[in-house]
Protein backbone atom coordinates (compact mmCIF):
# COMPACT_ATOMS: atom_id res chain seq x y z
CA UNK A 1 21.84 -30.68 -8.28
CA UNK A 2 23.27 -27.43 -7.70
CA UNK A 3 23.25 -26.52 -4.04
CA UNK A 4 21.69 -23.11 -4.70
CA UNK A 5 18.99 -24.62 -6.50
CA UNK A 6 18.20 -27.28 -3.96
CA UNK A 7 17.93 -24.46 -1.67
CA UNK A 8 15.45 -22.81 -3.74
CA UNK A 9 13.46 -25.86 -4.42
CA UNK A 10 13.39 -26.98 -0.84
CA UNK A 11 12.37 -23.03 -0.06
CA UNK A 12 9.65 -23.06 -2.20
CA UNK A 13 8.32 -26.61 -1.42
CA UNK A 14 8.22 -25.43 2.48
CA UNK A 15 6.62 -22.27 1.84
CA UNK A 16 3.85 -24.00 -0.37
CA UNK A 17 3.53 -27.00 2.48
CA UNK A 18 2.62 -24.21 4.98
CA UNK A 19 0.49 -22.21 2.72
CA UNK A 20 -1.27 -25.76 1.97
CA UNK A 21 -1.70 -26.35 5.94
CA UNK A 22 -3.05 -22.82 6.18
CA UNK A 23 -6.12 -23.51 3.96
CA UNK A 24 -8.01 -26.08 6.33
CA UNK A 25 -6.92 -24.07 9.26
CA UNK A 26 -8.25 -20.85 8.23
CA UNK A 27 -11.86 -22.63 7.56
CA UNK A 28 -11.47 -23.43 10.97
CA UNK A 29 -10.57 -20.22 12.03
CA UNK A 30 -13.23 -18.55 10.18
CA UNK A 31 -16.04 -21.14 11.31
CA UNK A 32 -15.85 -19.04 14.12
CA UNK A 33 -18.41 -16.15 14.43
CA UNK A 34 -15.74 -13.76 15.90
CA UNK A 35 -13.37 -13.90 13.26
CA UNK A 36 -14.24 -12.98 9.45
CA UNK A 37 -11.86 -12.95 6.68
CA UNK A 38 -10.75 -9.21 6.66
CA UNK A 39 -9.93 -9.79 10.54
CA UNK A 40 -7.73 -12.92 9.55
CA UNK A 41 -5.85 -11.18 7.02
CA UNK A 42 -5.15 -8.36 9.30
CA UNK A 43 -3.76 -10.87 11.85
CA UNK A 44 -1.67 -12.52 9.12
CA UNK A 45 -0.03 -9.19 7.94
CA UNK A 46 0.35 -7.16 11.24
CA UNK A 47 1.46 -10.13 13.35
CA UNK A 48 4.08 -11.05 10.64
CA UNK A 49 5.46 -7.42 10.39
CA UNK A 50 5.89 -7.59 14.07
CA UNK A 51 7.52 -10.88 13.89
CA UNK A 52 9.93 -9.87 11.00
CA UNK A 53 10.74 -6.63 12.79
CA UNK A 54 11.52 -8.37 15.91
CA UNK A 55 13.96 -10.95 13.76
CA UNK A 56 15.63 -8.00 12.28
CA UNK A 57 17.24 -7.27 15.71
CA UNK A 58 19.18 -10.34 15.33
CA UNK A 59 20.36 -10.02 11.71
CA UNK A 60 23.08 -7.30 10.49
CA UNK A 61 21.25 -3.97 10.23
CA UNK A 62 21.18 -2.41 6.39
CA UNK A 63 20.26 0.97 5.47
CA UNK A 64 17.58 1.03 2.86
CA UNK A 65 17.62 4.16 1.10
CA UNK A 66 14.42 6.30 0.26
CA UNK A 67 14.32 4.81 -3.45
CA UNK A 68 14.48 1.45 -2.48
CA UNK A 69 11.80 1.71 0.17
CA UNK A 70 9.50 3.09 -2.47
CA UNK A 71 10.41 -0.29 -4.56
CA UNK A 72 9.63 -2.29 -1.69
CA UNK A 73 6.39 -0.46 -1.21
CA UNK A 74 5.45 -1.39 -4.91
CA UNK A 75 6.55 -4.94 -3.84
CA UNK A 76 4.07 -5.20 -0.67
CA UNK A 77 1.33 -3.80 -2.99
CA UNK A 78 1.73 -6.42 -5.48
CA UNK A 79 2.91 -9.56 -3.20
CA UNK A 80 1.07 -8.81 0.14
CA UNK A 81 -1.71 -6.44 -0.38
CA UNK A 82 -3.13 -6.84 -3.99
CA UNK A 83 -2.41 -10.91 -3.49
CA UNK A 84 -3.87 -11.87 -0.09
CA UNK A 85 -6.54 -9.16 0.09
CA UNK A 86 -7.90 -9.33 -3.22
CA UNK A 87 -7.82 -13.07 -2.93
CA UNK A 88 -9.84 -13.24 0.25
CA UNK A 89 -12.45 -10.87 -1.03
CA UNK A 90 -12.86 -12.95 -4.16
CA UNK A 91 -13.24 -16.09 -2.46
CA UNK A 92 -16.17 -14.31 -0.40
CA UNK A 93 -18.19 -13.91 -3.74
CA UNK A 94 -17.63 -17.37 -5.44
CA UNK A 95 -17.10 -20.68 -4.26
CA UNK A 96 -13.86 -21.99 -2.42
CA UNK A 97 -13.37 -24.77 -5.35
CA UNK A 98 -13.51 -21.95 -7.75
CA UNK A 99 -11.14 -19.78 -6.14
CA UNK A 100 -8.61 -23.21 -5.65
CA UNK A 101 -8.97 -23.66 -9.65
CA UNK A 102 -8.03 -20.12 -10.31
CA UNK A 103 -5.07 -20.92 -8.02
CA UNK A 104 -3.50 -23.40 -10.45
CA UNK A 105 -3.36 -20.65 -13.28
CA UNK A 106 -0.37 -19.07 -11.24
CA UNK A 107 2.42 -20.68 -12.99
CA UNK A 108 1.09 -19.95 -16.86
CA UNK A 109 0.45 -16.36 -15.71
CA UNK A 110 4.02 -16.27 -14.40
CA UNK A 111 5.53 -17.87 -17.44
CA UNK A 112 3.74 -15.49 -19.54
CA UNK A 113 4.97 -12.49 -17.68
CA UNK A 114 8.41 -13.83 -17.59
CA UNK A 115 8.62 -14.30 -21.21
CA UNK A 116 7.92 -10.59 -21.79
CA UNK A 117 9.76 -9.22 -18.92
CA UNK A 118 12.77 -11.48 -18.47
CA UNK A 119 12.83 -12.93 -21.96
CA UNK A 120 12.55 -16.35 -20.29
CA UNK A 121 11.77 -18.70 -23.59
CA UNK A 122 8.51 -20.50 -23.29
CA UNK A 123 9.25 -24.03 -24.31
CA UNK A 124 7.13 -26.93 -25.22
CA UNK A 125 8.86 -29.01 -22.39
CA UNK A 126 7.72 -26.27 -20.05
CA UNK A 127 4.36 -25.91 -21.24
CA UNK A 128 3.67 -29.41 -21.15
CA UNK A 129 4.87 -29.64 -17.36
CA UNK A 130 2.77 -26.78 -16.42
CA UNK A 131 -0.48 -28.60 -18.11
CA UNK A 132 0.22 -31.84 -16.54
CA UNK A 133 0.77 -30.26 -12.93
CA UNK A 134 -2.27 -28.20 -13.41
CA UNK A 135 -4.39 -31.29 -14.54
CA UNK A 136 -3.21 -32.80 -11.12
CA UNK A 137 -4.09 -29.99 -9.22
CA UNK A 138 -7.48 -29.88 -10.86
CA UNK A 139 -7.98 -33.27 -10.24
CA UNK A 140 -7.56 -33.16 -6.83
CA UNK A 141 -9.66 -30.03 -6.30
CA UNK A 142 -12.58 -31.79 -8.17
CA UNK A 143 -12.43 -34.78 -6.22
CA UNK A 144 -12.57 -33.21 -3.12
CA UNK A 145 -15.59 -32.66 -1.14
CA UNK A 146 -15.33 -28.88 -0.76
CA UNK A 147 -18.55 -27.22 0.60
CA UNK A 148 -19.19 -24.13 -1.47
CA UNK A 149 -21.92 -21.65 -0.32
CA UNK A 150 -24.57 -20.60 -2.88
CA UNK A 151 -23.77 -17.65 -4.72
CA UNK A 152 -25.25 -15.87 -7.83
CA UNK A 153 -23.78 -16.31 -11.33
CA UNK A 154 -22.65 -12.53 -11.53
CA UNK A 155 -21.08 -12.55 -7.79
CA UNK A 156 -19.35 -15.79 -8.76
CA UNK A 157 -17.94 -14.38 -11.98
CA UNK A 158 -16.75 -11.36 -10.43
CA UNK A 159 -14.99 -13.56 -7.31
CA UNK A 160 -13.31 -15.57 -9.88
CA UNK A 161 -12.16 -12.23 -11.49
CA UNK A 162 -10.80 -11.10 -8.47
CA UNK A 163 -9.06 -14.46 -7.65
CA UNK A 164 -7.67 -14.34 -11.21
CA UNK A 165 -6.12 -10.63 -10.36
CA UNK A 166 -4.54 -11.77 -7.16
CA UNK A 167 -2.71 -14.59 -9.22
CA UNK A 168 -1.46 -11.88 -11.99
CA UNK A 169 -0.45 -9.38 -9.08
CA UNK A 170 1.60 -12.30 -7.32
CA UNK A 171 3.35 -13.54 -10.56
CA UNK A 172 3.98 -9.91 -11.51
CA UNK A 173 5.71 -9.29 -8.05
CA UNK A 174 7.71 -12.78 -8.33
CA UNK A 175 8.87 -11.84 -12.05
CA UNK A 176 9.56 -8.09 -11.45
CA UNK A 177 11.70 -8.60 -8.09
CA UNK A 178 13.40 -11.82 -9.26
CA UNK A 179 16.84 -9.96 -9.51
CA UNK A 180 16.43 -7.13 -6.99
CA UNK A 181 15.92 -9.50 -3.85
CA UNK A 182 19.58 -10.63 -3.48
CA UNK A 183 20.34 -6.79 -2.53
CA UNK A 184 19.03 -7.34 0.94
CA UNK A 185 18.61 -9.98 3.63
CA UNK A 186 15.17 -11.54 3.52
CA UNK A 187 14.27 -10.47 6.60
CA UNK A 188 15.25 -6.82 5.89
CA UNK A 189 13.18 -7.09 2.72
CA UNK A 190 9.89 -8.54 4.01
CA UNK A 191 10.02 -6.21 7.44
CA UNK A 192 9.47 -3.36 4.90
CA UNK A 193 7.23 -5.15 2.74
CA UNK A 194 4.89 -6.25 5.68
CA UNK A 195 5.10 -3.05 7.35
CA UNK A 196 3.55 -1.29 4.30
CA UNK A 197 0.97 -3.61 4.00
CA UNK A 198 0.12 -3.00 7.88
CA UNK A 199 -0.24 0.69 7.42
CA UNK A 200 -2.84 -0.14 4.49
CA UNK A 201 -4.67 -2.94 6.40
CA UNK A 202 -4.60 -1.60 10.18
CA UNK A 203 -7.16 1.42 9.38
CA UNK A 204 -9.45 -0.77 7.72
CA UNK A 205 -9.77 -3.26 10.74
CA UNK A 206 -8.62 -1.27 13.43
CA UNK A 207 -12.04 -0.50 15.28
CA UNK A 208 -13.33 -3.95 14.74
CA UNK A 209 -10.14 -5.45 16.06
CA UNK A 210 -10.18 -3.12 19.43
CA UNK A 211 -13.87 -3.72 19.80
CA UNK A 212 -14.15 -7.52 19.33
CA UNK A 213 -14.71 -9.68 22.36
CA UNK A 214 -11.58 -12.31 21.79
CA UNK A 215 -12.68 -13.96 25.29
CA UNK A 216 -15.36 -15.73 23.14
CA UNK A 217 -12.58 -17.23 21.12
CA UNK A 218 -11.38 -20.98 21.88
CA UNK A 219 -7.84 -21.32 22.68
CA UNK A 220 -7.49 -23.79 19.78
CA UNK A 221 -8.61 -20.99 17.46
CA UNK A 222 -5.73 -18.94 18.81
CA UNK A 223 -3.54 -21.93 18.04
CA UNK A 224 -4.52 -21.97 14.55
CA UNK A 225 -4.25 -18.32 14.16
CA UNK A 226 -0.72 -18.56 15.67
CA UNK A 227 0.32 -21.01 12.44
CA UNK A 228 -1.54 -18.77 10.27
CA UNK A 229 0.50 -15.77 11.24
CA UNK A 230 3.99 -17.37 12.14
CA UNK A 231 3.84 -20.63 9.82
CA UNK A 232 1.93 -19.68 6.63
CA UNK A 233 3.08 -16.11 6.70
CA UNK A 234 6.23 -15.35 8.50
CA UNK A 235 8.19 -18.51 7.68
CA UNK A 236 6.61 -18.97 4.30
CA UNK A 237 7.25 -15.19 3.37
CA UNK A 238 10.81 -15.73 4.44
CA UNK A 239 11.42 -18.64 2.27
CA UNK A 240 9.93 -16.92 -0.85
CA UNK A 241 13.04 -14.76 -1.41
CA UNK A 242 15.15 -17.80 -1.62
CA UNK A 243 12.95 -19.34 -3.91
CA UNK A 244 13.03 -15.98 -6.16
CA UNK A 245 16.84 -15.84 -5.61
CA UNK A 246 17.69 -19.41 -7.06
CA UNK A 247 15.14 -20.44 -9.41
CA UNK A 248 13.25 -19.15 -12.67
CA UNK A 249 9.93 -17.62 -11.79
CA UNK A 250 8.13 -20.36 -13.66
CA UNK A 251 9.83 -23.22 -11.77
CA UNK A 252 9.16 -21.55 -8.54
CA UNK A 253 5.51 -20.76 -8.90
CA UNK A 254 5.08 -24.66 -10.07
CA UNK A 255 5.01 -25.34 -6.31
CA UNK A 256 1.69 -23.76 -5.90
CA UNK A 257 0.11 -26.81 -7.17
CA UNK A 258 1.77 -28.53 -4.03
CA UNK A 259 -1.05 -26.43 -1.98
CA UNK A 260 -3.93 -28.68 -2.96
CA UNK A 261 -1.87 -31.82 -2.20
CA UNK A 262 -0.94 -30.73 1.28
CA UNK A 263 -4.37 -29.54 2.21
CA UNK A 264 -5.94 -32.88 0.76
CA UNK A 265 -3.70 -34.79 3.16
CA UNK A 266 -4.58 -32.48 5.84
CA UNK A 267 -8.48 -32.89 5.21
CA UNK A 268 -7.96 -36.86 5.07
CA UNK A 269 -6.14 -37.09 8.52
CA UNK A 270 -8.18 -34.59 10.02
CA UNK A 271 -11.08 -36.98 8.85
CA UNK A 272 -12.51 -33.98 6.73
CA UNK A 273 -12.12 -35.92 3.64
CA UNK A 274 -11.43 -39.31 2.30
CA UNK A 275 -8.41 -40.65 0.02
CA UNK A 276 -8.68 -42.54 -3.23
CA UNK A 277 -7.15 -43.62 -6.50
CA UNK A 278 -8.01 -40.33 -7.93
CA UNK A 279 -6.38 -38.22 -5.27
CA UNK A 280 -2.99 -40.53 -5.50
CA UNK A 281 -3.08 -40.10 -9.36
CA UNK A 282 -3.39 -36.23 -9.08
CA UNK A 283 -0.66 -35.77 -6.38
CA UNK A 284 1.69 -38.20 -8.87
CA UNK A 285 0.74 -35.56 -11.45
CA UNK A 286 1.53 -32.60 -9.83
CA UNK A 287 4.89 -33.74 -8.97
CA UNK A 288 5.74 -34.84 -12.38
CA UNK A 289 4.68 -31.42 -13.74
CA UNK A 290 7.12 -30.23 -11.16
CA UNK A 291 9.98 -32.26 -12.53
CA UNK A 292 9.24 -31.49 -16.16
CA UNK A 293 9.19 -27.70 -15.78
CA UNK A 294 12.76 -27.99 -13.86
CA UNK A 295 14.18 -29.87 -16.88
CA UNK A 296 13.05 -27.32 -19.34
CA UNK A 297 16.39 -26.11 -21.09
CA UNK A 298 16.09 -22.26 -20.52
CA UNK A 299 18.11 -19.69 -21.90
CA UNK A 300 21.69 -19.16 -20.09
CA UNK A 301 21.16 -17.51 -16.65
CA UNK A 302 23.67 -14.94 -17.29
CA UNK A 303 22.37 -13.86 -20.58
CA UNK A 304 18.53 -13.87 -19.06
CA UNK A 305 20.10 -11.82 -16.11
CA UNK A 306 21.89 -9.39 -18.54
CA UNK A 307 18.41 -9.03 -20.24
CA UNK A 308 16.63 -8.59 -17.01
CA UNK A 309 18.84 -5.96 -15.61
CA UNK A 310 18.02 -3.66 -18.74
CA UNK A 311 14.38 -3.73 -17.40
CA UNK A 312 14.28 -4.29 -13.69
CA UNK A 313 14.07 -1.60 -11.09
CA UNK A 314 17.46 -1.00 -9.42
CA UNK A 315 18.14 -1.17 -6.24
CA UNK A 316 20.77 1.07 -4.20
CA UNK A 317 24.03 -0.76 -2.97
CA UNK A 318 23.37 -2.04 0.19
CA UNK A 319 24.68 -0.24 3.52
CA UNK A 320 25.19 -2.41 6.41
CA UNK A 321 25.85 -1.92 10.02
CA UNK A 322 25.89 -3.56 13.13
CA UNK A 323 22.93 -3.06 15.61
């Protein structure tokens, strides 16, 4: 396998492993009455923004023109604000199992958007791989003992719609900025994206954040929050540009189905769930699906890049200087 593609596969695998571990840990965090979903999202966004800006002190400084900052603001809107915020709000209106099922649509949505925007062909091999992987993820989700709250059918439908909207926004970000991310170092790109996201989230939760009595929160919960911020946000979003750069969007987002696999293993290890043959079969189907999609014969990358370059937003040439 090409070394660059291997980097892309490892990056997306690592990111989705972190996100998979985040699912049960987030449930533990939000089980504390002091921490609500919006606060956790604020911790993720603001904490990651601080981490990326600190990390930027140790890499070559890159000057980002105003035109590119506007594009990164759009990227933040699609890839962070609409993705994370809308999804959390959707989960609050529907059951966790419904929200988990909706996340399996990400590769399909990405494939459709990539077909229109990057002119990436939809092949039977790719489609069958997505369906095999999705069936495995669905089997895994449905075989898990997920405790869902009682919600009305109207609220549940609205929640499912919001979760689907978050997947569409994330897929759009992934495709739209595929050929633009190589202009800047991943840390440069993410420090600006998370800064823009923080500007949106901080005013919404500032009063609650400063008035909350965090002394009532156990130390173990702070440890879980630290993983959500630095592992499942800072690290994962550092990996995403690598996957975007070296993999086709449909291939990269197929790793989304790894999340329920990791969450299932974590739940078994922490004795929150049990492991049976159905879960084993589901895990096998997920990875078979990923393999099938990677074997799909897509259009020559250079041709695809030429087509995409006519459509994608152009970033200005990078001007670098040392700190």
